[in-house]
């Protein structure tokens, strides 16, 4: 596990954004862990999160011209990532959408820079890929190119319901459907490595076993 990935998992745990226990996911599963980027809700934690996003994007070598954040969680994320990139010498335009079209002023659903060129979609996680599909439609309607999706955590989890699970994870399905890569700051492999290293005994050891059992049941190759 790279230092950046290791540092991110530790940061998310210490910030209480990556939590362990029993949580019902959007798919209706009982998960032993939960990641909620909405809990990066102060300037310091959001700024550090944006640094992780920016470094992951730059390290990837992917060519891009602008950033796009889907409403609602993507709005503060894309704004903060643009600031973090500028701090690294890469001043990048960004835009986001409204859920409801504005019927006065400039109107429409898009806010920010004109959507053009190779666009990075910035979001927190991919659960069902719905948000990505809507973003791709908006970007293509502007005659721009969705180039990559950038997320915080890849759960590496198969989509579908018990008895009819897809062989692919939600991230893999997005990559296949839209022919573009998905970059994540960290993934379930990194979480398991963190738990194995930090959870030799005590409370984290029990969480490690629970996360591993969940992975055996729902994890994608």
Foldseek 3Di string as FASTA:
>chain_A
DDPLQLVLLVLCVVLVQKDADWDQDPQRDTARIHGDPVSCPDDVSLLVLLLLLLVLVVVVVFDAAAEEEEPDQRVSNRVSVQVNNVVVVHNHWYKYFAPDWDPDDVTGTMDTDQQAEEYEYEDAEFAQCPSVVVVCVVSVVSVHHDAEYEHAEYAQFFDDDVVDTDLGRNQVVNCVVRVHHYTYSYYVVSVLVSLVVVVPDDPSVVSSVRNVVVCVVTHHD
